[in-house]
PDB file of all heavy atoms in Angstrom:
ATOM      1  N   VAL A   1      77.419  84.197 106.557  1.00  0.00           N
ATOM      2  CA  VAL A   1      76.827  82.876 106.869  1.00  0.00           C
ATOM      3  C   VAL A   1      77.851  82.014 107.489  1.00  0.00           C
ATOM      4  O   VAL A   1      77.561  81.185 108.416  1.00  0.00           O
ATOM      5  CB  VAL A   1      76.282  82.274 105.588  1.00  0.00           C
ATOM      6  CG1 VAL A   1      75.972  80.791 105.870  1.00  0.00           C
ATOM      7  CG2 VAL A   1      75.045  83.052 105.118  1.00  0.00           C
ATOM      8  N   GLN A   2      79.038  82.057 107.049  1.00  0.00           N
ATOM      9  CA  GLN A   2      80.095  81.064 107.635  1.00  0.00           C
ATOM     10  C   GLN A   2      80.433  81.466 109.095  1.00  0.00           C
ATOM     11  O   GLN A   2      80.667  80.615 109.905  1.00  0.00           O
ATOM     12  CB  GLN A   2      81.345  81.064 106.681  1.00  0.00           C
ATOM     13  CG  GLN A   2      82.148  82.220 106.549  1.00  0.00           C
ATOM     14  CD  GLN A   2      83.310  82.300 107.591  1.00  0.00           C
ATOM     15  OE1 GLN A   2      83.725  81.337 108.156  1.00  0.00           O
ATOM     16  NE2 GLN A   2      83.768  83.524 107.842  1.00  0.00           N
ATOM     17  N   VAL A   3      80.551  82.857 109.391  1.00  0.00           N
ATOM     18  CA  VAL A   3      80.912  83.144 110.685  1.00  0.00           C
ATOM     19  C   VAL A   3      79.830  82.931 111.687  1.00  0.00           C
ATOM     20  O   VAL A   3      80.076  82.522 112.788  1.00  0.00           O
ATOM     21  CB  VAL A   3      81.489  84.630 110.779  1.00  0.00           C
ATOM     22  CG1 VAL A   3      80.241  85.634 110.625  1.00  0.00           C
ATOM     23  CG2 VAL A   3      82.201  84.890 112.024  1.00  0.00           C
ATOM     24  N   VAL A   4      78.544  83.164 111.217  1.00  0.00           N
ATOM     25  CA  VAL A   4      77.391  82.753 112.132  1.00  0.00           C
ATOM     26  C   VAL A   4      77.294  81.223 112.255  1.00  0.00           C
ATOM     27  O   VAL A   4      77.052  80.831 113.425  1.00  0.00           O
ATOM     28  CB  VAL A   4      76.130  83.242 111.578  1.00  0.00           C
ATOM     29  CG1 VAL A   4      74.863  82.668 112.156  1.00  0.00           C
ATOM     30  CG2 VAL A   4      76.162  84.829 111.775  1.00  0.00           C
ATOM     31  N   SER A   5      77.577  80.442 111.259  1.00  0.00           N
ATOM     32  CA  SER A   5      77.612  78.996 111.385  1.00  0.00           C
ATOM     33  C   SER A   5      78.604  78.515 112.401  1.00  0.00           C
ATOM     34  O   SER A   5      78.354  77.673 113.268  1.00  0.00           O
ATOM     35  CB  SER A   5      77.790  78.289 110.028  1.00  0.00           C
ATOM     36  OG  SER A   5      76.761  78.541 109.077  1.00  0.00           O
ATOM     37  N   LEU A   6      79.885  79.126 112.319  1.00  0.00           N
ATOM     38  CA  LEU A   6      80.828  78.644 113.287  1.00  0.00           C
ATOM     39  C   LEU A   6      80.466  79.074 114.622  1.00  0.00           C
ATOM     40  O   LEU A   6      80.775  78.239 115.637  1.00  0.00           O
ATOM     41  CB  LEU A   6      82.209  79.313 112.897  1.00  0.00           C
ATOM     42  CG  LEU A   6      82.882  78.741 111.607  1.00  0.00           C
ATOM     43  CD1 LEU A   6      84.004  79.616 111.294  1.00  0.00           C
ATOM     44  CD2 LEU A   6      83.280  77.388 111.812  1.00  0.00           C
ATOM     45  N   GLY A   7      79.884  80.137 114.896  1.00  0.00           N
ATOM     46  CA  GLY A   7      79.392  80.585 116.211  1.00  0.00           C
ATOM     47  C   GLY A   7      78.219  79.552 116.733  1.00  0.00           C
ATOM     48  O   GLY A   7      78.285  79.241 117.892  1.00  0.00           O
ATOM     49  N   ALA A   8      77.338  79.324 115.869  1.00  0.00           N
ATOM     50  CA  ALA A   8      76.254  78.404 116.152  1.00  0.00           C
ATOM     51  C   ALA A   8      76.693  77.006 116.553  1.00  0.00           C
ATOM     52  O   ALA A   8      76.300  76.372 117.510  1.00  0.00           O
ATOM     53  CB  ALA A   8      75.238  78.341 115.113  1.00  0.00           C
ATOM     54  N   LEU A   9      77.730  76.501 115.778  1.00  0.00           N
ATOM     55  CA  LEU A   9      78.277  75.279 116.105  1.00  0.00           C
ATOM     56  C   LEU A   9      79.216  75.254 117.346  1.00  0.00           C
ATOM     57  O   LEU A   9      79.163  74.252 118.037  1.00  0.00           O
ATOM     58  CB  LEU A   9      79.252  74.839 114.892  1.00  0.00           C
ATOM     59  CG  LEU A   9      78.529  74.440 113.616  1.00  0.00           C
ATOM     60  CD1 LEU A   9      79.471  74.386 112.414  1.00  0.00           C
ATOM     61  CD2 LEU A   9      77.746  73.140 113.811  1.00  0.00           C
ATOM     62  N   ARG A  10      79.845  76.383 117.685  1.00  0.00           N
ATOM     63  CA  ARG A  10      80.509  76.543 118.958  1.00  0.00           C
ATOM     64  C   ARG A  10      79.441  76.326 120.132  1.00  0.00           C
ATOM     65  O   ARG A  10      79.729  75.856 121.195  1.00  0.00           O
ATOM     66  CB  ARG A  10      81.252  77.898 119.040  1.00  0.00           C
ATOM     67  CG  ARG A  10      82.638  77.757 118.455  1.00  0.00           C
ATOM     68  CD  ARG A  10      83.394  78.982 118.908  1.00  0.00           C
ATOM     69  NE  ARG A  10      82.866  80.223 118.459  1.00  0.00           N
ATOM     70  CZ  ARG A  10      83.176  80.748 117.287  1.00  0.00           C
ATOM     71  NH1 ARG A  10      84.011  80.141 116.450  1.00  0.00           N
ATOM     72  NH2 ARG A  10      82.698  81.979 116.900  1.00  0.00           N
ATOM     73  N   GLY A  11      78.228  76.950 119.915  1.00  0.00           N
ATOM     74  CA  GLY A  11      77.250  76.902 120.925  1.00  0.00           C
ATOM     75  C   GLY A  11      76.824  75.315 121.210  1.00  0.00           C
ATOM     76  O   GLY A  11      76.458  74.950 122.242  1.00  0.00           O
ATOM     77  N   LEU A  12      76.994  74.535 120.156  1.00  0.00           N
ATOM     78  CA  LEU A  12      76.796  73.056 120.295  1.00  0.00           C
ATOM     79  C   LEU A  12      78.033  72.233 120.724  1.00  0.00           C
ATOM     80  O   LEU A  12      78.037  71.107 120.881  1.00  0.00           O
ATOM     81  CB  LEU A  12      76.351  72.463 118.966  1.00  0.00           C
ATOM     82  CG  LEU A  12      74.995  72.950 118.306  1.00  0.00           C
ATOM     83  CD1 LEU A  12      74.765  72.352 116.939  1.00  0.00           C
ATOM     84  CD2 LEU A  12      73.835  72.628 119.334  1.00  0.00           C
ATOM     85  N   ALA A  13      79.104  73.005 120.966  1.00  0.00           N
ATOM     86  CA  ALA A  13      80.424  72.518 121.386  1.00  0.00           C
ATOM     87  C   ALA A  13      80.869  71.548 120.221  1.00  0.00           C
ATOM     88  O   ALA A  13      81.679  70.633 120.460  1.00  0.00           O
ATOM     89  CB  ALA A  13      80.303  71.592 122.718  1.00  0.00           C
ATOM     90  N   ASP A  14      80.707  71.938 118.989  1.00  0.00           N
ATOM     91  CA  ASP A  14      81.081  71.191 117.868  1.00  0.00           C
ATOM     92  C   ASP A  14      82.206  72.115 117.181  1.00  0.00           C
ATOM     93  O   ASP A  14      81.843  73.032 116.495  1.00  0.00           O
ATOM     94  CB  ASP A  14      79.903  70.935 116.892  1.00  0.00           C
ATOM     95  CG  ASP A  14      80.371  70.211 115.624  1.00  0.00           C
ATOM     96  OD1 ASP A  14      80.828  69.123 115.707  1.00  0.00           O
ATOM     97  OD2 ASP A  14      80.216  70.858 114.531  1.00  0.00           O
ATOM     98  N   VAL A  15      83.459  71.726 117.310  1.00  0.00           N
ATOM     99  CA  VAL A  15      84.548  72.536 116.814  1.00  0.00           C
ATOM    100  C   VAL A  15      85.506  71.749 116.029  1.00  0.00           C
ATOM    101  O   VAL A  15      86.225  72.366 115.128  1.00  0.00           O
ATOM    102  CB  VAL A  15      85.146  73.260 118.082  1.00  0.00           C
ATOM    103  CG1 VAL A  15      84.384  74.320 118.586  1.00  0.00           C
ATOM    104  CG2 VAL A  15      85.620  72.183 119.088  1.00  0.00           C
ATOM    105  N   LYS A  16      85.757  70.469 116.253  1.00  0.00           N
ATOM    106  CA  LYS A  16      86.843  69.855 115.534  1.00  0.00           C
ATOM    107  C   LYS A  16      86.657  69.591 114.050  1.00  0.00           C
ATOM    108  O   LYS A  16      87.495  69.865 113.242  1.00  0.00           O
ATOM    109  CB  LYS A  16      87.084  68.519 116.233  1.00  0.00           C
ATOM    110  CG  LYS A  16      87.595  68.554 117.697  1.00  0.00           C
ATOM    111  CD  LYS A  16      87.818  67.268 118.278  1.00  0.00           C
ATOM    112  CE  LYS A  16      88.263  67.521 119.919  1.00  0.00           C
ATOM    113  NZ  LYS A  16      88.466  66.224 120.634  1.00  0.00           N
ATOM    114  N   ILE A  17      85.533  69.035 113.690  1.00  0.00           N
ATOM    115  CA  ILE A  17      85.189  68.806 112.197  1.00  0.00           C
ATOM    116  C   ILE A  17      85.147  70.227 111.614  1.00  0.00           C
ATOM    117  O   ILE A  17      85.663  70.346 110.390  1.00  0.00           O
ATOM    118  CB  ILE A  17      84.032  68.016 112.056  1.00  0.00           C
ATOM    119  CG1 ILE A  17      84.318  66.501 112.452  1.00  0.00           C
ATOM    120  CG2 ILE A  17      83.465  68.055 110.622  1.00  0.00           C
ATOM    121  CD1 ILE A  17      83.068  65.504 112.340  1.00  0.00           C
ATOM    122  N   PRO A  18      84.438  71.299 112.041  1.00  0.00           N
ATOM    123  CA  PRO A  18      84.436  72.514 111.420  1.00  0.00           C
ATOM    124  C   PRO A  18      85.877  73.033 111.258  1.00  0.00           C
ATOM    125  O   PRO A  18      86.154  73.673 110.221  1.00  0.00           O
ATOM    126  CB  PRO A  18      83.664  73.404 112.356  1.00  0.00           C
ATOM    127  CG  PRO A  18      82.616  72.582 113.032  1.00  0.00           C
ATOM    128  CD  PRO A  18      83.419  71.206 113.153  1.00  0.00           C
ATOM    129  N   THR A  19      86.787  72.823 112.195  1.00  0.00           N
ATOM    130  CA  THR A  19      88.169  73.209 111.977  1.00  0.00           C
ATOM    131  C   THR A  19      88.761  72.599 110.829  1.00  0.00           C
ATOM    132  O   THR A  19      89.537  73.124 109.928  1.00  0.00           O
ATOM    133  CB  THR A  19      88.994  72.932 113.272  1.00  0.00           C
ATOM    134  OG1 THR A  19      88.447  73.709 114.394  1.00  0.00           O
ATOM    135  CG2 THR A  19      90.443  73.393 113.132  1.00  0.00           C
ATOM    136  N   ALA A  20      88.692  71.209 110.657  1.00  0.00           N
ATOM    137  CA  ALA A  20      89.213  70.520 109.513  1.00  0.00           C
ATOM    138  C   ALA A  20      88.602  70.991 108.226  1.00  0.00           C
ATOM    139  O   ALA A  20      89.321  71.164 107.237  1.00  0.00           O
ATOM    140  CB  ALA A  20      88.981  68.998 109.659  1.00  0.00           C
ATOM    141  N   LEU A  21      87.321  71.268 108.184  1.00  0.00           N
ATOM    142  CA  LEU A  21      86.640  71.745 106.957  1.00  0.00           C
ATOM    143  C   LEU A  21      87.142  73.073 106.577  1.00  0.00           C
ATOM    144  O   LEU A  21      87.324  73.377 105.437  1.00  0.00           O
ATOM    145  CB  LEU A  21      85.124  71.763 107.216  1.00  0.00           C
ATOM    146  CG  LEU A  21      84.441  70.324 107.290  1.00  0.00           C
ATOM    147  CD1 LEU A  21      83.024  70.530 107.691  1.00  0.00           C
ATOM    148  CD2 LEU A  21      84.633  69.540 106.124  1.00  0.00           C
ATOM    149  N   THR A  22      87.396  73.945 107.601  1.00  0.00           N
ATOM    150  CA  THR A  22      87.917  75.264 107.287  1.00  0.00           C
ATOM    151  C   THR A  22      89.317  75.258 106.718  1.00  0.00           C
ATOM    152  O   THR A  22      89.669  75.870 105.742  1.00  0.00           O
ATOM    153  CB  THR A  22      87.961  76.124 108.637  1.00  0.00           C
ATOM    154  OG1 THR A  22      86.712  76.123 109.200  1.00  0.00           O
ATOM    155  CG2 THR A  22      88.533  77.460 108.434  1.00  0.00           C
ATOM    156  N   PHE A  23      90.193  74.303 107.302  1.00  0.00           N
ATOM    157  CA  PHE A  23      91.440  74.113 106.690  1.00  0.00           C
ATOM    158  C   PHE A  23      91.350  73.670 105.240  1.00  0.00           C
ATOM    159  O   PHE A  23      92.098  74.282 104.312  1.00  0.00           O
ATOM    160  CB  PHE A  23      92.256  73.098 107.448  1.00  0.00           C
ATOM    161  CG  PHE A  23      93.591  72.693 106.871  1.00  0.00           C
ATOM    162  CD1 PHE A  23      94.694  73.581 107.007  1.00  0.00           C
ATOM    163  CD2 PHE A  23      93.728  71.543 106.096  1.00  0.00           C
ATOM    164  CE1 PHE A  23      95.867  73.217 106.482  1.00  0.00           C
ATOM    165  CE2 PHE A  23      94.972  71.222 105.567  1.00  0.00           C
ATOM    166  CZ  PHE A  23      96.043  72.029 105.668  1.00  0.00           C
ATOM    167  N   ILE A  24      90.513  72.695 104.896  1.00  0.00           N
ATOM    168  CA  ILE A  24      90.435  72.250 103.534  1.00  0.00           C
ATOM    169  C   ILE A  24      89.965  73.323 102.582  1.00  0.00           C
ATOM    170  O   ILE A  24      90.527  73.485 101.469  1.00  0.00           O
ATOM    171  CB  ILE A  24      89.499  71.080 103.504  1.00  0.00           C
ATOM    172  CG1 ILE A  24      90.141  69.879 104.161  1.00  0.00           C
ATOM    173  CG2 ILE A  24      89.147  70.609 101.973  1.00  0.00           C
ATOM    174  CD1 ILE A  24      89.131  68.688 104.405  1.00  0.00           C
ATOM    175  N   ALA A  25      88.941  74.051 102.966  1.00  0.00           N
ATOM    176  CA  ALA A  25      88.422  75.078 102.073  1.00  0.00           C
ATOM    177  C   ALA A  25      89.359  76.200 101.743  1.00  0.00           C
ATOM    178  O   ALA A  25      89.501  76.610 100.581  1.00  0.00           O
ATOM    179  CB  ALA A  25      87.146  75.680 102.767  1.00  0.00           C
ATOM    180  N   TYR A  26      90.184  76.730 102.735  1.00  0.00           N
ATOM    181  CA  TYR A  26      91.058  77.774 102.446  1.00  0.00           C
ATOM    182  C   TYR A  26      92.382  77.391 101.977  1.00  0.00           C
ATOM    183  O   TYR A  26      92.996  77.860 101.050  1.00  0.00           O
ATOM    184  CB  TYR A  26      91.234  78.477 103.785  1.00  0.00           C
ATOM    185  CG  TYR A  26      90.070  79.410 104.112  1.00  0.00           C
ATOM    186  CD1 TYR A  26      89.431  79.080 105.374  1.00  0.00           C
ATOM    187  CD2 TYR A  26      89.634  80.332 103.360  1.00  0.00           C
ATOM    188  CE1 TYR A  26      88.210  79.816 105.765  1.00  0.00           C
ATOM    189  CE2 TYR A  26      88.583  81.151 103.711  1.00  0.00           C
ATOM    190  CZ  TYR A  26      87.771  80.836 104.904  1.00  0.00           C
ATOM    191  OH  TYR A  26      86.718  81.555 105.286  1.00  0.00           O
ATOM    192  N   TRP A  27      93.058  76.350 102.551  1.00  0.00           N
ATOM    193  CA  TRP A  27      94.444  76.005 102.318  1.00  0.00           C
ATOM    194  C   TRP A  27      94.535  74.934 101.213  1.00  0.00           C
ATOM    195  O   TRP A  27      95.722  74.986 100.551  1.00  0.00           O
ATOM    196  CB  TRP A  27      95.198  75.563 103.588  1.00  0.00           C
ATOM    197  CG  TRP A  27      95.266  76.744 104.553  1.00  0.00           C
ATOM    198  CD1 TRP A  27      94.471  77.157 105.524  1.00  0.00           C
ATOM    199  CD2 TRP A  27      96.428  77.603 104.512  1.00  0.00           C
ATOM    200  NE1 TRP A  27      94.963  78.295 106.038  1.00  0.00           N
ATOM    201  CE2 TRP A  27      96.272  78.516 105.465  1.00  0.00           C
ATOM    202  CE3 TRP A  27      97.632  77.687 103.815  1.00  0.00           C
ATOM    203  CZ2 TRP A  27      97.144  79.602 105.771  1.00  0.00           C
ATOM    204  CZ3 TRP A  27      98.529  78.777 104.091  1.00  0.00           C
ATOM    205  CH2 TRP A  27      98.242  79.664 105.084  1.00  0.00           C
ATOM    206  N   VAL A  28      93.555  74.205 100.998  1.00  0.00           N
ATOM    207  CA  VAL A  28      93.688  73.179  99.982  1.00  0.00           C
ATOM    208  C   VAL A  28      93.018  73.629  98.693  1.00  0.00           C
ATOM    209  O   VAL A  28      93.476  73.323  97.525  1.00  0.00           O
ATOM    210  CB  VAL A  28      92.963  71.837 100.386  1.00  0.00           C
ATOM    211  CG1 VAL A  28      92.992  70.835  99.267  1.00  0.00           C
ATOM    212  CG2 VAL A  28      93.683  71.229 101.652  1.00  0.00           C
ATOM    213  N   LEU A  29      91.993  74.468  98.811  1.00  0.00           N
ATOM    214  CA  LEU A  29      91.330  74.964  97.615  1.00  0.00           C
ATOM    215  C   LEU A  29      91.483  76.451  97.349  1.00  0.00           C
ATOM    216  O   LEU A  29      92.008  76.808  96.245  1.00  0.00           O
ATOM    217  CB  LEU A  29      89.775  74.712  97.761  1.00  0.00           C
ATOM    218  CG  LEU A  29      89.339  73.318  97.959  1.00  0.00           C
ATOM    219  CD1 LEU A  29      87.829  73.274  98.208  1.00  0.00           C
ATOM    220  CD2 LEU A  29      89.664  72.523  96.689  1.00  0.00           C
ATOM    221  N   ALA A  30      91.222  77.350  98.317  1.00  0.00           N
ATOM    222  CA  ALA A  30      91.254  78.751  98.047  1.00  0.00           C
ATOM    223  C   ALA A  30      92.624  79.341  97.675  1.00  0.00           C
ATOM    224  O   ALA A  30      92.663  80.037  96.679  1.00  0.00           O
ATOM    225  CB  ALA A  30      90.577  79.596  99.237  1.00  0.00           C
ATOM    226  N   LEU A  31      93.622  79.050  98.510  1.00  0.00           N
ATOM    227  CA  LEU A  31      94.877  79.769  98.290  1.00  0.00           C
ATOM    228  C   LEU A  31      95.530  79.157  96.957  1.00  0.00           C
ATOM    229  O   LEU A  31      96.135  79.939  96.253  1.00  0.00           O
ATOM    230  CB  LEU A  31      95.746  79.508  99.485  1.00  0.00           C
ATOM    231  CG  LEU A  31      95.567  80.453 100.617  1.00  0.00           C
ATOM    232  CD1 LEU A  31      96.331  80.103 101.879  1.00  0.00           C
ATOM    233  CD2 LEU A  31      95.649  81.934 100.282  1.00  0.00           C
ATOM    234  N   PRO A  32      95.608  77.821  96.811  1.00  0.00           N
ATOM    235  CA  PRO A  32      96.192  77.354  95.568  1.00  0.00           C
ATOM    236  C   PRO A  32      95.488  77.994  94.383  1.00  0.00           C
ATOM    237  O   PRO A  32      96.201  78.337  93.386  1.00  0.00           O
ATOM    238  CB  PRO A  32      96.088  75.865  95.642  1.00  0.00           C
ATOM    239  CG  PRO A  32      96.002  75.577  97.050  1.00  0.00           C
ATOM    240  CD  PRO A  32      95.255  76.716  97.686  1.00  0.00           C
ATOM    241  N   LEU A  33      94.127  77.977  94.366  1.00  0.00           N
ATOM    242  CA  LEU A  33      93.411  78.666  93.291  1.00  0.00           C
ATOM    243  C   LEU A  33      93.729  80.147  93.128  1.00  0.00           C
ATOM    244  O   LEU A  33      93.910  80.712  91.990  1.00  0.00           O
ATOM    245  CB  LEU A  33      91.898  78.546  93.536  1.00  0.00           C
ATOM    246  CG  LEU A  33      91.043  79.083  92.347  1.00  0.00           C
ATOM    247  CD1 LEU A  33      91.403  78.338  91.023  1.00  0.00           C
ATOM    248  CD2 LEU A  33      89.522  78.812  92.715  1.00  0.00           C
ATOM    249  N   GLY A  34      93.862  80.815  94.266  1.00  0.00           N
ATOM    250  CA  GLY A  34      94.264  82.175  94.231  1.00  0.00           C
ATOM    251  C   GLY A  34      95.588  82.466  93.618  1.00  0.00           C
ATOM    252  O   GLY A  34      95.758  83.438  92.856  1.00  0.00           O
ATOM    253  N   TYR A  35      96.575  81.541  94.022  1.00  0.00           N
ATOM    254  CA  TYR A  35      97.913  81.653  93.381  1.00  0.00           C
ATOM    255  C   TYR A  35      97.916  81.441  91.895  1.00  0.00           C
ATOM    256  O   TYR A  35      98.456  82.198  91.113  1.00  0.00           O
ATOM    257  CB  TYR A  35      98.871  80.616  94.049  1.00  0.00           C
ATOM    258  CG  TYR A  35     100.271  80.641  93.421  1.00  0.00           C
ATOM    259  CD1 TYR A  35     101.090  81.571  93.882  1.00  0.00           C
ATOM    260  CD2 TYR A  35     100.582  79.744  92.469  1.00  0.00           C
ATOM    261  CE1 TYR A  35     102.479  81.584  93.322  1.00  0.00           C
ATOM    262  CE2 TYR A  35     101.800  79.738  91.986  1.00  0.00           C
ATOM    263  CZ  TYR A  35     102.754  80.640  92.390  1.00  0.00           C
ATOM    264  OH  TYR A  35     103.998  80.617  91.772  1.00  0.00           O
ATOM    265  N   TYR A  36      97.163  80.396  91.483  1.00  0.00           N
ATOM    266  CA  TYR A  36      96.993  80.174  89.990  1.00  0.00           C
ATOM    267  C   TYR A  36      96.419  81.307  89.275  1.00  0.00           C
ATOM    268  O   TYR A  36      96.934  81.734  88.171  1.00  0.00           O
ATOM    269  CB  TYR A  36      96.164  78.805  89.880  1.00  0.00           C
ATOM    270  CG  TYR A  36      95.850  78.552  88.417  1.00  0.00           C
ATOM    271  CD1 TYR A  36      96.854  77.949  87.553  1.00  0.00           C
ATOM    272  CD2 TYR A  36      94.753  78.851  87.851  1.00  0.00           C
ATOM    273  CE1 TYR A  36      96.652  77.685  86.349  1.00  0.00           C
ATOM    274  CE2 TYR A  36      94.434  78.487  86.426  1.00  0.00           C
ATOM    275  CZ  TYR A  36      95.481  78.015  85.655  1.00  0.00           C
ATOM    276  OH  TYR A  36      95.162  77.692  84.383  1.00  0.00           O
ATOM    277  N   LEU A  37      95.291  81.821  89.788  1.00  0.00           N
ATOM    278  CA  LEU A  37      94.691  82.899  89.093  1.00  0.00           C
ATOM    279  C   LEU A  37      95.541  84.213  89.168  1.00  0.00           C
ATOM    280  O   LEU A  37      95.624  84.965  88.172  1.00  0.00           O
ATOM    281  CB  LEU A  37      93.304  83.220  89.794  1.00  0.00           C
ATOM    282  CG  LEU A  37      92.250  82.160  89.510  1.00  0.00           C
ATOM    283  CD1 LEU A  37      90.975  82.548  90.346  1.00  0.00           C
ATOM    284  CD2 LEU A  37      91.856  81.953  88.083  1.00  0.00           C
ATOM    285  N   GLY A  38      96.093  84.442  90.314  1.00  0.00           N
ATOM    286  CA  GLY A  38      96.935  85.714  90.467  1.00  0.00           C
ATOM    287  C   GLY A  38      98.211  85.690  89.723  1.00  0.00           C
ATOM    288  O   GLY A  38      98.486  86.758  89.100  1.00  0.00           O
ATOM    289  N   PHE A  39      98.918  84.574  89.648  1.00  0.00           N
ATOM    290  CA  PHE A  39     100.233  84.610  88.969  1.00  0.00           C
ATOM    291  C   PHE A  39     100.389  83.731  87.702  1.00  0.00           C
ATOM    292  O   PHE A  39     100.929  84.223  86.739  1.00  0.00           O
ATOM    293  CB  PHE A  39     101.241  84.066  90.097  1.00  0.00           C
ATOM    294  CG  PHE A  39     101.402  84.955  91.262  1.00  0.00           C
ATOM    295  CD1 PHE A  39     100.633  84.747  92.411  1.00  0.00           C
ATOM    296  CD2 PHE A  39     102.175  86.057  91.271  1.00  0.00           C
ATOM    297  CE1 PHE A  39     100.698  85.513  93.501  1.00  0.00           C
ATOM    298  CE2 PHE A  39     102.381  86.888  92.300  1.00  0.00           C
ATOM    299  CZ  PHE A  39     101.509  86.643  93.504  1.00  0.00           C
ATOM    300  N   LYS A  40      99.744  82.659  87.639  1.00  0.00           N
ATOM    301  CA  LYS A  40      99.891  81.815  86.435  1.00  0.00           C
ATOM    302  C   LYS A  40      98.904  82.494  85.384  1.00  0.00           C
ATOM    303  O   LYS A  40      99.223  82.487  84.170  1.00  0.00           O
ATOM    304  CB  LYS A  40      99.396  80.378  86.649  1.00  0.00           C
ATOM    305  CG  LYS A  40     100.324  79.652  87.653  1.00  0.00           C
ATOM    306  CD  LYS A  40     101.738  79.637  87.183  1.00  0.00           C
ATOM    307  CE  LYS A  40     102.629  78.892  88.185  1.00  0.00           C
ATOM    308  NZ  LYS A  40     104.088  78.789  87.770  1.00  0.00           N
ATOM    309  N   MET A  41      97.689  82.939  85.860  1.00  0.00           N
ATOM    310  CA  MET A  41      96.811  83.556  84.826  1.00  0.00           C
ATOM    311  C   MET A  41      97.022  85.086  84.774  1.00  0.00           C
ATOM    312  O   MET A  41      96.359  85.803  84.063  1.00  0.00           O
ATOM    313  CB  MET A  41      95.331  83.279  85.243  1.00  0.00           C
ATOM    314  CG  MET A  41      94.979  81.813  85.196  1.00  0.00           C
ATOM    315  SD  MET A  41      95.104  81.160  83.570  1.00  0.00           S
ATOM    316  CE  MET A  41      93.788  81.952  82.684  1.00  0.00           C
TER     317      MET A  41
END
């Protein structure tokens, strides 16, 4: 769903906000949580 959404948004020439949202989801949420679960837990 996320890769199709990014493709559809590119078709609308909408790329900047999706880029910022991608950064937040992975680097602010996913990786710190993965580190916590993988090493602290």
